Amino acid sequence: MSTPNYIDGFVFPIKEKYLKEYQKVAEQVAEIWKEYGALAYFEFVGDDMHISTRKTND
């Protein structure tokens, strides 16, 4: 019996001035996740993001 494939996804709001530092950490984390069985690891950066804030009732 094979295990079904799945994807874990995360969204982190990182300020542009911290991207290089984040990328260094992400490379280290990718190696750890692969040691624990991740088959692949990808990072994506949105370069045309228009983010606003809004209040919620949560």
N, C-alpha and C. Protein backbone atom coordinates (compact mmCIF):
# COMPACT_ATOMS: atom_id res chain seq x y z
N MET A 1 0.85 -1.17 0.00
CA MET A 1 0.00 0.00 0.00
C MET A 1 0.90 1.24 0.00
N SER A 2 0.62 2.16 -0.88
CA SER A 2 1.43 3.39 -0.93
C SER A 2 0.71 4.52 -0.20
N THR A 3 1.49 5.44 0.28
CA THR A 3 0.96 6.61 0.97
C THR A 3 0.54 7.65 -0.06
N PRO A 4 -0.63 8.26 0.10
CA PRO A 4 -1.02 9.30 -0.86
C PRO A 4 -0.11 10.52 -0.77
N ASN A 5 0.08 11.16 -1.90
CA ASN A 5 0.89 12.38 -1.93
C ASN A 5 0.09 13.54 -1.36
N TYR A 6 0.77 14.45 -0.73
CA TYR A 6 0.13 15.65 -0.22
C TYR A 6 1.14 16.79 -0.20
N ILE A 7 0.63 17.98 -0.04
CA ILE A 7 1.47 19.19 -0.03
C ILE A 7 1.16 19.97 1.23
N ASP A 8 2.20 20.38 1.93
CA ASP A 8 2.06 21.33 3.03
C ASP A 8 2.41 22.70 2.48
N GLY A 9 1.62 23.69 2.76
CA GLY A 9 1.90 25.03 2.29
C GLY A 9 1.82 26.03 3.42
N PHE A 10 2.68 27.00 3.37
CA PHE A 10 2.72 28.04 4.40
C PHE A 10 2.87 29.39 3.73
N VAL A 11 2.31 30.41 4.35
CA VAL A 11 2.46 31.78 3.87
C VAL A 11 3.04 32.60 5.00
N PHE A 12 4.17 33.22 4.73
CA PHE A 12 4.84 34.05 5.73
C PHE A 12 4.99 35.46 5.19
N PRO A 13 4.47 36.46 5.88
CA PRO A 13 4.69 37.84 5.43
C PRO A 13 6.08 38.30 5.87
N ILE A 14 6.99 38.37 4.94
CA ILE A 14 8.37 38.77 5.22
C ILE A 14 8.64 40.11 4.54
N LYS A 15 9.11 41.07 5.30
CA LYS A 15 9.45 42.36 4.71
C LYS A 15 10.63 42.17 3.75
N GLU A 16 10.61 42.93 2.67
CA GLU A 16 11.65 42.80 1.64
C GLU A 16 13.05 42.95 2.21
N LYS A 17 13.22 43.81 3.19
CA LYS A 17 14.55 44.03 3.75
C LYS A 17 15.08 42.81 4.50
N TYR A 18 14.20 41.85 4.85
CA TYR A 18 14.61 40.64 5.56
C TYR A 18 14.66 39.40 4.66
N LEU A 19 14.42 39.55 3.36
CA LEU A 19 14.35 38.39 2.48
C LEU A 19 15.65 37.59 2.42
N LYS A 20 16.78 38.25 2.33
CA LYS A 20 18.05 37.51 2.25
C LYS A 20 18.28 36.68 3.51
N GLU A 21 17.99 37.26 4.66
CA GLU A 21 18.14 36.53 5.92
C GLU A 21 17.17 35.35 5.97
N TYR A 22 15.93 35.58 5.55
CA TYR A 22 14.94 34.50 5.53
C TYR A 22 15.37 33.37 4.60
N GLN A 23 15.91 33.72 3.43
CA GLN A 23 16.33 32.70 2.47
C GLN A 23 17.43 31.80 3.04
N LYS A 24 18.33 32.37 3.82
CA LYS A 24 19.37 31.56 4.46
C LYS A 24 18.76 30.55 5.43
N VAL A 25 17.81 31.02 6.23
CA VAL A 25 17.14 30.13 7.18
C VAL A 25 16.33 29.07 6.44
N ALA A 26 15.64 29.47 5.38
CA ALA A 26 14.81 28.54 4.62
C ALA A 26 15.65 27.42 4.01
N GLU A 27 16.85 27.72 3.56
CA GLU A 27 17.73 26.69 3.01
C GLU A 27 18.11 25.68 4.08
N GLN A 28 18.36 26.14 5.28
CA GLN A 28 18.69 25.23 6.38
C GLN A 28 17.48 24.36 6.74
N VAL A 29 16.32 24.98 6.80
CA VAL A 29 15.10 24.25 7.14
C VAL A 29 14.79 23.20 6.06
N ALA A 30 15.01 23.54 4.80
CA ALA A 30 14.75 22.60 3.71
C ALA A 30 15.55 21.32 3.90
N GLU A 31 16.80 21.44 4.28
CA GLU A 31 17.63 20.26 4.50
C GLU A 31 17.09 19.40 5.64
N ILE A 32 16.64 20.04 6.70
CA ILE A 32 16.08 19.29 7.83
C ILE A 32 14.80 18.57 7.41
N TRP A 33 13.92 19.26 6.69
CA TRP A 33 12.66 18.63 6.27
C TRP A 33 12.94 17.44 5.36
N LYS A 34 13.94 17.57 4.48
CA LYS A 34 14.28 16.45 3.59
C LYS A 34 14.83 15.28 4.39
N GLU A 35 15.58 15.54 5.44
CA GLU A 35 16.08 14.46 6.30
C GLU A 35 14.92 13.69 6.93
N TYR A 36 13.81 14.37 7.16
CA TYR A 36 12.64 13.74 7.77
C TYR A 36 11.62 13.27 6.75
N GLY A 37 12.02 13.20 5.49
CA GLY A 37 11.16 12.57 4.49
C GLY A 37 10.55 13.44 3.43
N ALA A 38 10.74 14.74 3.47
CA ALA A 38 10.20 15.59 2.41
C ALA A 38 10.88 15.23 1.10
N LEU A 39 10.11 15.08 0.04
CA LEU A 39 10.66 14.74 -1.26
C LEU A 39 11.15 15.97 -2.00
N ALA A 40 10.57 17.11 -1.70
CA ALA A 40 10.96 18.36 -2.36
C ALA A 40 10.60 19.52 -1.44
N TYR A 41 11.22 20.65 -1.71
CA TYR A 41 10.97 21.86 -0.92
C TYR A 41 11.10 23.05 -1.85
N PHE A 42 10.12 23.92 -1.86
CA PHE A 42 10.12 25.07 -2.75
C PHE A 42 9.81 26.34 -1.97
N GLU A 43 10.40 27.42 -2.37
CA GLU A 43 10.13 28.75 -1.82
C GLU A 43 9.66 29.64 -2.97
N PHE A 44 8.67 30.45 -2.70
CA PHE A 44 8.17 31.40 -3.69
C PHE A 44 8.03 32.76 -3.03
N VAL A 45 8.33 33.80 -3.80
CA VAL A 45 8.22 35.17 -3.30
C VAL A 45 7.31 35.94 -4.24
N GLY A 46 6.27 36.54 -3.67
CA GLY A 46 5.39 37.39 -4.46
C GLY A 46 6.03 38.76 -4.62
N ASP A 47 6.19 39.19 -5.86
CA ASP A 47 6.86 40.47 -6.08
C ASP A 47 5.90 41.58 -6.50
N ASP A 48 4.62 41.27 -6.57
CA ASP A 48 3.63 42.27 -6.94
C ASP A 48 2.45 42.16 -5.98
N MET A 49 2.75 42.24 -4.70
CA MET A 49 1.72 42.05 -3.69
C MET A 49 1.22 43.40 -3.19
N HIS A 50 -0.08 43.54 -3.17
CA HIS A 50 -0.70 44.75 -2.64
C HIS A 50 -1.48 44.33 -1.39
N ILE A 51 -0.83 44.45 -0.26
CA ILE A 51 -1.39 43.94 0.98
C ILE A 51 -1.95 45.09 1.81
N SER A 52 -3.16 44.91 2.27
CA SER A 52 -3.76 45.89 3.17
C SER A 52 -4.18 45.15 4.43
N THR A 53 -4.48 45.89 5.44
CA THR A 53 -4.91 45.26 6.70
C THR A 53 -6.40 45.46 6.86
N ARG A 54 -6.99 44.55 7.59
CA ARG A 54 -8.41 44.70 7.91
C ARG A 54 -8.65 44.04 9.25
N LYS A 55 -9.60 44.54 9.96
CA LYS A 55 -9.94 43.99 11.27
C LYS A 55 -10.94 42.86 11.09
N THR A 56 -10.81 41.85 11.94
CA THR A 56 -11.77 40.76 11.95
C THR A 56 -12.37 40.64 13.34
N ASN A 57 -13.39 39.88 13.44
CA ASN A 57 -14.04 39.66 14.73
C ASN A 57 -13.58 38.39 15.41
N ASP A 58 -12.51 37.78 14.92
CA ASP A 58 -12.00 36.53 15.50
C ASP A 58 -11.40 36.74 16.85
